[in-house]
N, C-alpha and C. Protein backbone atom coordinates (compact mmCIF):
# COMPACT_ATOMS: atom_id res chain seq x y z
N MET A 1 3.61 -1.87 -11.15
CA MET A 1 4.50 -2.98 -10.96
C MET A 1 5.73 -2.50 -10.18
N LEU A 2 6.16 -3.32 -9.29
CA LEU A 2 7.34 -3.00 -8.48
C LEU A 2 8.62 -3.21 -9.28
N THR A 3 9.63 -2.48 -8.90
CA THR A 3 10.94 -2.72 -9.49
C THR A 3 11.81 -3.42 -8.47
N LYS A 4 12.79 -4.13 -8.96
CA LYS A 4 13.72 -4.83 -8.07
C LYS A 4 14.42 -3.83 -7.16
N LYS A 5 14.75 -2.67 -7.70
CA LYS A 5 15.44 -1.65 -6.92
C LYS A 5 14.58 -1.21 -5.73
N GLU A 6 13.28 -0.97 -5.96
CA GLU A 6 12.39 -0.55 -4.88
C GLU A 6 12.29 -1.62 -3.79
N VAL A 7 12.17 -2.87 -4.22
CA VAL A 7 12.07 -3.97 -3.26
C VAL A 7 13.35 -4.08 -2.45
N LEU A 8 14.48 -4.02 -3.11
CA LEU A 8 15.75 -4.13 -2.40
C LEU A 8 15.96 -2.97 -1.44
N GLU A 9 15.59 -1.76 -1.86
CA GLU A 9 15.72 -0.61 -0.97
C GLU A 9 14.85 -0.79 0.27
N SER A 10 13.65 -1.32 0.08
CA SER A 10 12.74 -1.54 1.19
C SER A 10 13.28 -2.60 2.14
N ILE A 11 13.79 -3.68 1.58
CA ILE A 11 14.34 -4.76 2.40
C ILE A 11 15.60 -4.28 3.14
N ASN A 12 16.37 -3.43 2.51
CA ASN A 12 17.59 -2.91 3.15
C ASN A 12 17.28 -2.06 4.38
N LEU A 13 16.04 -1.62 4.51
CA LEU A 13 15.65 -0.84 5.69
C LEU A 13 15.35 -1.73 6.90
N LEU A 14 15.21 -3.03 6.66
CA LEU A 14 14.97 -3.97 7.76
C LEU A 14 16.24 -4.14 8.58
N PRO A 15 16.09 -4.53 9.84
CA PRO A 15 17.28 -4.80 10.66
C PRO A 15 18.08 -5.98 10.08
N SER A 16 19.29 -6.18 10.54
CA SER A 16 20.13 -7.25 9.99
C SER A 16 19.55 -8.64 10.21
N LYS A 17 18.75 -8.81 11.27
CA LYS A 17 18.05 -10.08 11.51
C LYS A 17 16.56 -9.79 11.55
N PHE A 18 15.80 -10.55 10.74
CA PHE A 18 14.35 -10.34 10.68
C PHE A 18 13.66 -11.63 10.25
N GLU A 19 12.38 -11.68 10.52
CA GLU A 19 11.56 -12.81 10.09
C GLU A 19 11.20 -12.63 8.62
N ALA A 20 11.07 -13.73 7.90
CA ALA A 20 10.67 -13.67 6.49
C ALA A 20 9.34 -12.94 6.35
N GLU A 21 8.45 -13.12 7.32
CA GLU A 21 7.15 -12.47 7.29
C GLU A 21 7.29 -10.95 7.25
N ASP A 22 8.28 -10.40 7.94
CA ASP A 22 8.50 -8.95 7.93
C ASP A 22 8.83 -8.46 6.52
N ALA A 23 9.68 -9.19 5.82
CA ALA A 23 10.04 -8.80 4.45
C ALA A 23 8.84 -8.92 3.52
N ILE A 24 8.07 -9.99 3.69
CA ILE A 24 6.90 -10.20 2.84
C ILE A 24 5.88 -9.09 3.07
N GLU A 25 5.63 -8.76 4.33
CA GLU A 25 4.68 -7.69 4.65
C GLU A 25 5.13 -6.36 4.06
N ARG A 26 6.42 -6.09 4.10
CA ARG A 26 6.96 -4.85 3.55
C ARG A 26 6.75 -4.79 2.04
N ILE A 27 6.98 -5.91 1.36
CA ILE A 27 6.80 -5.96 -0.10
C ILE A 27 5.32 -5.81 -0.46
N ILE A 28 4.45 -6.46 0.30
CA ILE A 28 3.01 -6.33 0.04
C ILE A 28 2.55 -4.89 0.24
N LEU A 29 3.02 -4.24 1.29
CA LEU A 29 2.67 -2.84 1.53
C LEU A 29 3.15 -1.96 0.39
N LEU A 30 4.37 -2.17 -0.05
CA LEU A 30 4.92 -1.40 -1.16
C LEU A 30 4.06 -1.57 -2.42
N GLU A 31 3.64 -2.80 -2.69
CA GLU A 31 2.79 -3.07 -3.85
C GLU A 31 1.44 -2.36 -3.72
N LYS A 32 0.85 -2.40 -2.52
CA LYS A 32 -0.44 -1.75 -2.31
C LYS A 32 -0.33 -0.24 -2.49
N ILE A 33 0.78 0.33 -2.07
CA ILE A 33 1.00 1.77 -2.28
C ILE A 33 1.07 2.06 -3.77
N HIS A 34 1.78 1.24 -4.51
CA HIS A 34 1.88 1.43 -5.96
C HIS A 34 0.50 1.34 -6.63
N ILE A 35 -0.29 0.36 -6.21
CA ILE A 35 -1.63 0.19 -6.77
C ILE A 35 -2.48 1.42 -6.46
N GLY A 36 -2.44 1.89 -5.23
CA GLY A 36 -3.21 3.07 -4.84
C GLY A 36 -2.81 4.31 -5.62
N LEU A 37 -1.53 4.50 -5.82
CA LEU A 37 -1.06 5.66 -6.59
C LEU A 37 -1.51 5.56 -8.04
N ALA A 38 -1.45 4.36 -8.61
CA ALA A 38 -1.88 4.17 -10.00
C ALA A 38 -3.38 4.44 -10.14
N GLU A 39 -4.17 3.96 -9.17
CA GLU A 39 -5.61 4.20 -9.21
C GLU A 39 -5.91 5.69 -9.07
N SER A 40 -5.17 6.37 -8.23
CA SER A 40 -5.36 7.80 -8.05
C SER A 40 -5.04 8.55 -9.34
N GLU A 41 -3.93 8.19 -9.98
CA GLU A 41 -3.55 8.84 -11.23
C GLU A 41 -4.58 8.57 -12.34
N ALA A 42 -5.24 7.41 -12.27
CA ALA A 42 -6.26 7.05 -13.27
C ALA A 42 -7.61 7.67 -12.94
N GLY A 43 -7.69 8.43 -11.85
CA GLY A 43 -8.94 9.08 -11.48
C GLY A 43 -9.90 8.20 -10.72
N LYS A 44 -9.45 7.05 -10.28
CA LYS A 44 -10.30 6.12 -9.53
C LYS A 44 -10.27 6.51 -8.05
N VAL A 45 -10.90 7.63 -7.75
CA VAL A 45 -10.93 8.15 -6.39
C VAL A 45 -12.36 8.51 -6.01
N VAL A 46 -12.60 8.68 -4.72
CA VAL A 46 -13.90 9.14 -4.24
C VAL A 46 -13.69 10.42 -3.45
N SER A 47 -14.72 11.23 -3.42
CA SER A 47 -14.63 12.47 -2.66
C SER A 47 -14.73 12.18 -1.17
N MET A 48 -14.40 13.16 -0.36
CA MET A 48 -14.49 13.00 1.08
C MET A 48 -15.94 12.73 1.49
N GLU A 49 -16.88 13.39 0.84
CA GLU A 49 -18.29 13.19 1.15
C GLU A 49 -18.73 11.76 0.82
N GLN A 50 -18.27 11.24 -0.33
CA GLN A 50 -18.60 9.86 -0.69
C GLN A 50 -18.01 8.88 0.33
N ALA A 51 -16.80 9.15 0.75
CA ALA A 51 -16.15 8.29 1.74
C ALA A 51 -16.90 8.31 3.07
N LYS A 52 -17.32 9.51 3.50
CA LYS A 52 -18.06 9.62 4.75
C LYS A 52 -19.39 8.87 4.68
N THR A 53 -20.07 8.98 3.54
CA THR A 53 -21.35 8.29 3.36
C THR A 53 -21.14 6.78 3.43
N SER A 54 -20.13 6.28 2.74
CA SER A 54 -19.85 4.85 2.77
C SER A 54 -19.48 4.39 4.16
N LEU A 55 -18.68 5.17 4.85
CA LEU A 55 -18.25 4.83 6.21
C LEU A 55 -19.44 4.74 7.16
N LYS A 56 -20.38 5.67 7.03
CA LYS A 56 -21.58 5.64 7.88
C LYS A 56 -22.35 4.35 7.67
N LYS A 57 -22.46 3.90 6.41
CA LYS A 57 -23.18 2.66 6.10
C LYS A 57 -22.45 1.46 6.70
N TRP A 58 -21.12 1.45 6.63
CA TRP A 58 -20.34 0.31 7.12
C TRP A 58 -20.39 0.23 8.64
N LEU A 59 -20.51 1.37 9.32
CA LEU A 59 -20.45 1.37 10.77
C LEU A 59 -21.81 1.13 11.44
N LYS A 60 -22.84 0.93 10.66
CA LYS A 60 -24.17 0.65 11.24
C LYS A 60 -24.22 -0.69 11.89
């Protein structure tokens, strides 16, 4: 879960004038990073070999 502090810090990195879409995209990216880190900590990862195998199937 995101914290207000993280969101505000991320938004503060935007220029003084920006589109709302830019802020939304930044927040979504931040959330996805948090989800990925949580999954990694929970052991929900695949090896490089598993990733390569899956990638080969997707690129057919």
